[in-house]
């Protein structure tokens, strides 16, 4: 069995552990400084501005291509959900009216057979 002091895997793990500790220490010191905070705020502001500009550019592009934007699609989806809700309410009312029309108290609910006129046979007159 190899000696722990001369084992390459142990040396490699130790070296990586020390590097990780050093990097974490450096990162913690950097993030604690007010300069880092200022830079991150500036980067966040630039990113938000770029995202807004990209959104506006994309909306113009979609308009030029005669395609709906995300906001328009969300609006259509909301209207569609509203219409579906109204249809479900109408369906429920129609079901209730149909159920009430079949009740025994109502004389309107009894179906009558269709009236048909029998065509005359050859021996009968019209």
C-alpha atoms as a PDB file:
ATOM      1  CA  UNK A   1       0.000   0.000   0.000  1.00  0.00           C
ATOM      2  CA  UNK A   2       1.335   3.434  -0.894  1.00  0.00           C
ATOM      3  CA  UNK A   3       2.314   5.921   1.772  1.00  0.00           C
ATOM      4  CA  UNK A   4      -0.285   8.690   2.196  1.00  0.00           C
ATOM      5  CA  UNK A   5       2.428  11.318   1.867  1.00  0.00           C
ATOM      6  CA  UNK A   6       3.571   9.974  -1.513  1.00  0.00           C
ATOM      7  CA  UNK A   7       0.150   8.935  -2.927  1.00  0.00           C
ATOM      8  CA  UNK A   8      -0.555  11.069  -6.052  1.00  0.00           C
ATOM      9  CA  UNK A   9      -4.341  10.967  -5.484  1.00  0.00           C
ATOM     10  CA  UNK A  10      -3.976  12.303  -1.936  1.00  0.00           C
ATOM     11  CA  UNK A  11      -1.567  15.018  -3.111  1.00  0.00           C
ATOM     12  CA  UNK A  12      -4.003  15.963  -5.922  1.00  0.00           C
ATOM     13  CA  UNK A  13      -6.992  16.124  -3.521  1.00  0.00           C
ATOM     14  CA  UNK A  14      -5.016  18.218  -1.058  1.00  0.00           C
ATOM     15  CA  UNK A  15      -3.909  20.610  -3.793  1.00  0.00           C
ATOM     16  CA  UNK A  16      -7.476  20.990  -5.105  1.00  0.00           C
ATOM     17  CA  UNK A  17      -8.788  21.552  -1.575  1.00  0.00           C
ATOM     18  CA  UNK A  18      -6.229  24.292  -0.938  1.00  0.00           C
ATOM     19  CA  UNK A  19      -6.991  25.929  -4.302  1.00  0.00           C
ATOM     20  CA  UNK A  20     -10.722  25.870  -3.504  1.00  0.00           C
ATOM     21  CA  UNK A  21     -10.115  27.440  -0.081  1.00  0.00           C
ATOM     22  CA  UNK A  22      -7.975  30.165  -1.666  1.00  0.00           C
ATOM     23  CA  UNK A  23     -10.534  30.892  -4.363  1.00  0.00           C
ATOM     24  CA  UNK A  24     -13.394  31.018  -1.841  1.00  0.00           C
ATOM     25  CA  UNK A  25     -11.404  33.383   0.360  1.00  0.00           C
ATOM     26  CA  UNK A  26     -10.621  35.655  -2.581  1.00  0.00           C
ATOM     27  CA  UNK A  27     -14.236  35.617  -3.807  1.00  0.00           C
ATOM     28  CA  UNK A  28     -15.595  36.411  -0.335  1.00  0.00           C
ATOM     29  CA  UNK A  29     -13.197  39.358   0.031  1.00  0.00           C
ATOM     30  CA  UNK A  30     -14.066  40.630  -3.439  1.00  0.00           C
ATOM     31  CA  UNK A  31     -17.819  40.375  -2.869  1.00  0.00           C
ATOM     32  CA  UNK A  32     -17.546  42.168   0.482  1.00  0.00           C
ATOM     33  CA  UNK A  33     -15.960  45.250  -1.096  1.00  0.00           C
ATOM     34  CA  UNK A  34     -18.170  48.218  -2.040  1.00  0.00           C
ATOM     35  CA  UNK A  35     -16.510  48.369  -5.475  1.00  0.00           C
ATOM     36  CA  UNK A  36     -17.749  44.869  -6.310  1.00  0.00           C
ATOM     37  CA  UNK A  37     -21.252  45.818  -5.250  1.00  0.00           C
ATOM     38  CA  UNK A  38     -21.119  48.967  -7.386  1.00  0.00           C
ATOM     39  CA  UNK A  39     -19.893  47.036 -10.430  1.00  0.00           C
ATOM     40  CA  UNK A  40     -22.575  44.376 -10.017  1.00  0.00           C
ATOM     41  CA  UNK A  41     -25.288  47.052  -9.780  1.00  0.00           C
ATOM     42  CA  UNK A  42     -23.959  48.666 -12.953  1.00  0.00           C
ATOM     43  CA  UNK A  43     -23.876  45.309 -14.745  1.00  0.00           C
ATOM     44  CA  UNK A  44     -27.427  44.593 -13.577  1.00  0.00           C
ATOM     45  CA  UNK A  45     -28.588  48.000 -14.812  1.00  0.00           C
ATOM     46  CA  UNK A  46     -26.921  47.532 -18.181  1.00  0.00           C
ATOM     47  CA  UNK A  47     -28.405  44.059 -18.472  1.00  0.00           C
ATOM     48  CA  UNK A  48     -31.898  45.326 -17.668  1.00  0.00           C
ATOM     49  CA  UNK A  49     -31.549  48.156 -20.195  1.00  0.00           C
ATOM     50  CA  UNK A  50     -30.301  45.768 -22.871  1.00  0.00           C
ATOM     51  CA  UNK A  51     -33.143  43.365 -22.160  1.00  0.00           C
ATOM     52  CA  UNK A  52     -35.681  46.194 -22.463  1.00  0.00           C
ATOM     53  CA  UNK A  53     -34.160  47.345 -25.755  1.00  0.00           C
ATOM     54  CA  UNK A  54     -34.137  43.789 -27.071  1.00  0.00           C
ATOM     55  CA  UNK A  55     -37.815  43.411 -26.121  1.00  0.00           C
ATOM     56  CA  UNK A  56     -38.726  46.615 -27.933  1.00  0.00           C
ATOM     57  CA  UNK A  57     -36.691  45.599 -30.977  1.00  0.00           C
ATOM     58  CA  UNK A  58     -38.308  42.158 -31.025  1.00  0.00           C
ATOM     59  CA  UNK A  59     -41.787  43.695 -30.787  1.00  0.00           C
ATOM     60  CA  UNK A  60     -41.020  45.960 -33.757  1.00  0.00           C
ATOM     61  CA  UNK A  61     -39.662  42.984 -35.696  1.00  0.00           C
ATOM     62  CA  UNK A  62     -42.758  40.907 -34.982  1.00  0.00           C
ATOM     63  CA  UNK A  63     -44.973  43.826 -35.972  1.00  0.00           C
ATOM     64  CA  UNK A  64     -43.081  44.162 -39.256  1.00  0.00           C
ATOM     65  CA  UNK A  65     -43.483  40.418 -39.856  1.00  0.00           C
ATOM     66  CA  UNK A  66     -47.220  40.740 -39.100  1.00  0.00           C
ATOM     67  CA  UNK A  67     -46.873  38.369 -36.113  1.00  0.00           C
ATOM     68  CA  UNK A  68     -48.305  38.881 -32.618  1.00  0.00           C
ATOM     69  CA  UNK A  69     -46.036  39.908 -29.770  1.00  0.00           C
ATOM     70  CA  UNK A  70     -45.870  38.122 -26.430  1.00  0.00           C
ATOM     71  CA  UNK A  71     -48.125  40.727 -24.827  1.00  0.00           C
ATOM     72  CA  UNK A  72     -50.681  40.274 -27.592  1.00  0.00           C
ATOM     73  CA  UNK A  73     -50.575  36.484 -27.223  1.00  0.00           C
ATOM     74  CA  UNK A  74     -51.094  36.794 -23.450  1.00  0.00           C
ATOM     75  CA  UNK A  75     -54.057  39.106 -24.103  1.00  0.00           C
ATOM     76  CA  UNK A  76     -55.563  36.647 -26.572  1.00  0.00           C
ATOM     77  CA  UNK A  77     -55.087  33.777 -24.117  1.00  0.00           C
ATOM     78  CA  UNK A  78     -56.843  35.742 -21.368  1.00  0.00           C
ATOM     79  CA  UNK A  79     -59.753  36.599 -23.677  1.00  0.00           C
ATOM     80  CA  UNK A  80     -59.974  32.970 -24.797  1.00  0.00           C
ATOM     81  CA  UNK A  81     -60.133  31.805 -21.175  1.00  0.00           C
ATOM     82  CA  UNK A  82     -62.909  34.317 -20.526  1.00  0.00           C
ATOM     83  CA  UNK A  83     -64.857  33.081 -23.560  1.00  0.00           C
ATOM     84  CA  UNK A  84     -64.405  29.460 -22.475  1.00  0.00           C
ATOM     85  CA  UNK A  85     -65.724  30.338 -19.025  1.00  0.00           C
ATOM     86  CA  UNK A  86     -68.789  31.998 -20.534  1.00  0.00           C
ATOM     87  CA  UNK A  87     -69.381  28.989 -22.793  1.00  0.00           C
ATOM     88  CA  UNK A  88     -69.192  26.667 -19.793  1.00  0.00           C
ATOM     89  CA  UNK A  89     -71.779  28.801 -17.993  1.00  0.00           C
ATOM     90  CA  UNK A  90     -74.079  28.723 -21.039  1.00  0.00           C
ATOM     91  CA  UNK A  91     -73.613  24.979 -21.320  1.00  0.00           C
ATOM     92  CA  UNK A  92     -74.521  24.509 -17.662  1.00  0.00           C
ATOM     93  CA  UNK A  93     -77.647  26.669 -18.069  1.00  0.00           C
ATOM     94  CA  UNK A  94     -78.711  24.752 -21.183  1.00  0.00           C
ATOM     95  CA  UNK A  95     -78.191  21.464 -19.357  1.00  0.00           C
ATOM     96  CA  UNK A  96     -80.301  22.720 -16.469  1.00  0.00           C
ATOM     97  CA  UNK A  97     -83.072  23.940 -18.804  1.00  0.00           C
ATOM     98  CA  UNK A  98     -83.049  20.610 -20.647  1.00  0.00           C
ATOM     99  CA  UNK A  99     -83.176  18.705 -17.351  1.00  0.00           C
ATOM    100  CA  UNK A 100     -86.084  20.867 -16.132  1.00  0.00           C
ATOM    101  CA  UNK A 101     -87.994  20.386 -19.393  1.00  0.00           C
ATOM    102  CA  UNK A 102     -87.894  16.599 -18.931  1.00  0.00           C
ATOM    103  CA  UNK A 103     -89.378  16.741 -15.423  1.00  0.00           C
ATOM    104  CA  UNK A 104     -92.830  15.086 -14.962  1.00  0.00           C
ATOM    105  CA  UNK A 105     -94.455  18.303 -13.690  1.00  0.00           C
ATOM    106  CA  UNK A 106     -93.997  19.985 -17.051  1.00  0.00           C
ATOM    107  CA  UNK A 107     -96.398  19.057 -19.835  1.00  0.00           C
ATOM    108  CA  UNK A 108     -94.097  20.670 -22.370  1.00  0.00           C
ATOM    109  CA  UNK A 109     -91.426  18.071 -21.721  1.00  0.00           C
ATOM    110  CA  UNK A 110     -93.317  15.100 -23.165  1.00  0.00           C
ATOM    111  CA  UNK A 111     -92.140  14.532 -26.694  1.00  0.00           C
ATOM    112  CA  UNK A 112     -94.729  13.916 -29.368  1.00  0.00           C
ATOM    113  CA  UNK A 113     -94.177  11.695 -32.348  1.00  0.00           C
ATOM    114  CA  UNK A 114     -93.549  13.532 -35.606  1.00  0.00           C
ATOM    115  CA  UNK A 115     -96.593  14.090 -37.776  1.00  0.00           C
ATOM    116  CA  UNK A 116     -96.227  12.545 -41.174  1.00  0.00           C
ATOM    117  CA  UNK A 117     -98.621  12.303 -44.019  1.00  0.00           C
ATOM    118  CA  UNK A 118     -98.826   8.861 -45.577  1.00  0.00           C
ATOM    119  CA  UNK A 119     -98.513   9.005 -49.350  1.00  0.00           C
ATOM    120  CA  UNK A 120    -101.594   7.677 -51.140  1.00  0.00           C
ATOM    121  CA  UNK A 121    -101.438   4.232 -52.680  1.00  0.00           C
ATOM    122  CA  UNK A 122    -102.456   3.554 -56.290  1.00  0.00           C
ATOM    123  CA  UNK A 123    -106.035   2.679 -55.443  1.00  0.00           C
ATOM    124  CA  UNK A 124    -106.626   5.721 -53.246  1.00  0.00           C
ATOM    125  CA  UNK A 125    -107.349   9.190 -54.473  1.00  0.00           C
ATOM    126  CA  UNK A 126    -105.526  12.219 -53.413  1.00  0.00           C
END
